[in-house]
C-alpha cells in the first residue's frame, strides 16, 4: 500500500513539473482583426489557421515569429500556400472555446 502511494505521488509530481515547464503550452492565440499580405523576412516558430467564428470574423493565418511577434497573414499568399502544401509549415486550426454541441440520445441516431 505504501509503495503504491509513493508511485502515485511521484507520478503526480512529474506531471506537475511537465505542465509547469510549458511542456503542454500552445502558442498564444489571439484574433486577427485584420490580415496582411506580408513578405516573409522572419523565421516562423508557430502557425495556426484562424477560421471565421463568433467574435472573430476573418480567415487568416496567425504566425508567431522566432522573436515572439504575432503576424496575421492573408490566407491567399503564394509563399504561405506553397510552404503549407509542401509540408514545410504546419498550421493547425484554432480551436475555439465557444463551440456549441448538441446532446444526442442514442435513440435519436436511428
Protein backbone atom coordinates (compact mmCIF):
# COMPACT_ATOMS: atom_id res chain seq x y z
CA UNK A 1 0.00 0.00 0.00
CA UNK A 2 2.76 2.41 0.95
CA UNK A 3 4.69 1.61 -2.25
CA UNK A 4 1.58 2.30 -4.37
CA UNK A 5 1.09 5.66 -2.65
CA UNK A 6 4.72 6.64 -3.31
CA UNK A 7 4.40 5.72 -7.00
CA UNK A 8 1.20 7.77 -7.31
CA UNK A 9 2.76 10.80 -5.63
CA UNK A 10 5.89 10.55 -7.80
CA UNK A 11 3.78 10.33 -10.95
CA UNK A 12 1.74 13.35 -9.87
CA UNK A 13 4.93 15.34 -9.19
CA UNK A 14 6.31 14.51 -12.66
CA UNK A 15 3.07 15.56 -14.35
CA UNK A 16 3.01 18.83 -12.40
CA UNK A 17 6.62 19.59 -13.36
CA UNK A 18 5.91 18.83 -17.02
CA UNK A 19 2.90 21.18 -17.08
CA UNK A 20 4.73 23.95 -15.21
CA UNK A 21 7.69 23.77 -17.59
CA UNK A 22 5.47 24.59 -20.55
CA UNK A 23 5.55 21.08 -21.97
CA UNK A 24 1.87 21.38 -22.83
CA UNK A 25 1.96 25.05 -23.79
CA UNK A 26 0.48 26.23 -27.08
CA UNK A 27 1.32 29.43 -28.88
CA UNK A 28 -0.68 32.44 -27.64
CA UNK A 29 -3.83 32.69 -29.70
CA UNK A 30 -5.45 35.99 -30.43
CA UNK A 31 -7.99 37.02 -33.01
CA UNK A 32 -6.69 38.54 -36.23
CA UNK A 33 -8.90 41.59 -36.69
CA UNK A 34 -7.12 42.32 -39.96
CA UNK A 35 -4.87 40.18 -42.17
CA UNK A 36 -1.92 41.47 -44.16
CA UNK A 37 -0.06 40.46 -47.31
CA UNK A 38 3.48 40.40 -45.90
CA UNK A 39 6.72 39.17 -47.41
CA UNK A 40 8.46 36.51 -45.36
CA UNK A 41 11.52 38.12 -43.81
CA UNK A 42 11.49 36.26 -40.45
CA UNK A 43 11.64 32.71 -39.14
CA UNK A 44 8.36 31.05 -38.20
CA UNK A 45 8.16 29.50 -34.75
CA UNK A 46 4.46 28.52 -34.84
CA UNK A 47 1.43 28.89 -37.06
CA UNK A 48 -2.32 28.43 -36.59
CA UNK A 49 -5.16 28.84 -39.04
CA UNK A 50 -8.00 31.08 -37.93
CA UNK A 51 -11.39 30.34 -39.47
CA UNK A 52 -14.20 32.87 -39.17
CA UNK A 53 -16.13 32.36 -35.93
CA UNK A 54 -18.19 34.27 -33.44
CA UNK A 55 -16.28 37.37 -32.37
CA UNK A 56 -13.51 36.78 -34.91
CA UNK A 57 -14.73 37.16 -38.48
CA UNK A 58 -11.66 36.84 -40.73
CA UNK A 59 -9.99 33.82 -42.28
CA UNK A 60 -6.27 34.32 -41.60
CA UNK A 61 -3.07 32.61 -40.51
CA UNK A 62 -1.60 33.69 -37.20
CA UNK A 63 2.18 33.38 -37.34
CA UNK A 64 4.42 33.51 -34.26
CA UNK A 65 7.96 34.54 -35.22
CA UNK A 66 11.18 33.49 -33.51
CA UNK A 67 11.15 36.88 -31.77
CA UNK A 68 7.62 36.08 -30.44
CA UNK A 69 5.86 38.62 -32.66
CA UNK A 70 2.35 37.78 -33.85
CA UNK A 71 1.65 38.42 -37.52
CA UNK A 72 -1.73 38.00 -39.16
CA UNK A 73 -1.44 36.89 -42.76
CA UNK A 74 -3.94 36.66 -45.59
CA UNK A 75 -4.67 33.03 -46.47
CA UNK A 76 -4.01 33.50 -50.20
CA UNK A 77 -0.32 34.45 -50.02
CA UNK A 78 1.60 32.37 -52.60
CA UNK A 79 4.64 31.74 -50.36
CA UNK A 80 2.42 30.71 -47.43
CA UNK A 81 0.30 28.36 -49.58
CA UNK A 82 3.46 26.81 -51.02
CA UNK A 83 5.04 26.14 -47.60
CA UNK A 84 1.81 24.60 -46.27
CA UNK A 85 1.23 22.45 -49.38
CA UNK A 86 4.83 21.20 -49.39
CA UNK A 87 4.55 20.27 -45.70
CA UNK A 88 7.24 22.74 -44.63
CA UNK A 89 4.77 24.57 -42.41
CA UNK A 90 2.05 23.05 -40.25
CA UNK A 91 -0.83 25.35 -39.34
CA UNK A 92 -3.50 23.54 -37.32
CA UNK A 93 -6.83 25.33 -36.94
CA UNK A 94 -7.56 27.40 -33.85
CA UNK A 95 -9.90 25.51 -31.56
CA UNK A 96 -12.41 27.93 -30.13
CA UNK A 97 -13.66 27.52 -26.60
CA UNK A 98 -17.03 28.89 -27.70
CA UNK A 99 -18.23 25.85 -29.62
CA UNK A 100 -21.77 24.65 -29.14
CA UNK A 101 -22.62 20.98 -29.06
CA UNK A 102 -25.97 19.30 -29.14
CA UNK A 103 -26.53 16.36 -26.82
CA UNK A 104 -28.00 13.48 -28.81
CA UNK A 105 -29.62 10.44 -27.30
CA UNK A 106 -28.72 7.05 -28.86
CA UNK A 107 -32.38 6.57 -29.82
CA UNK A 108 -32.20 9.71 -31.98
CA UNK A 109 -29.42 8.24 -34.12
CA UNK A 110 -31.66 5.63 -35.73
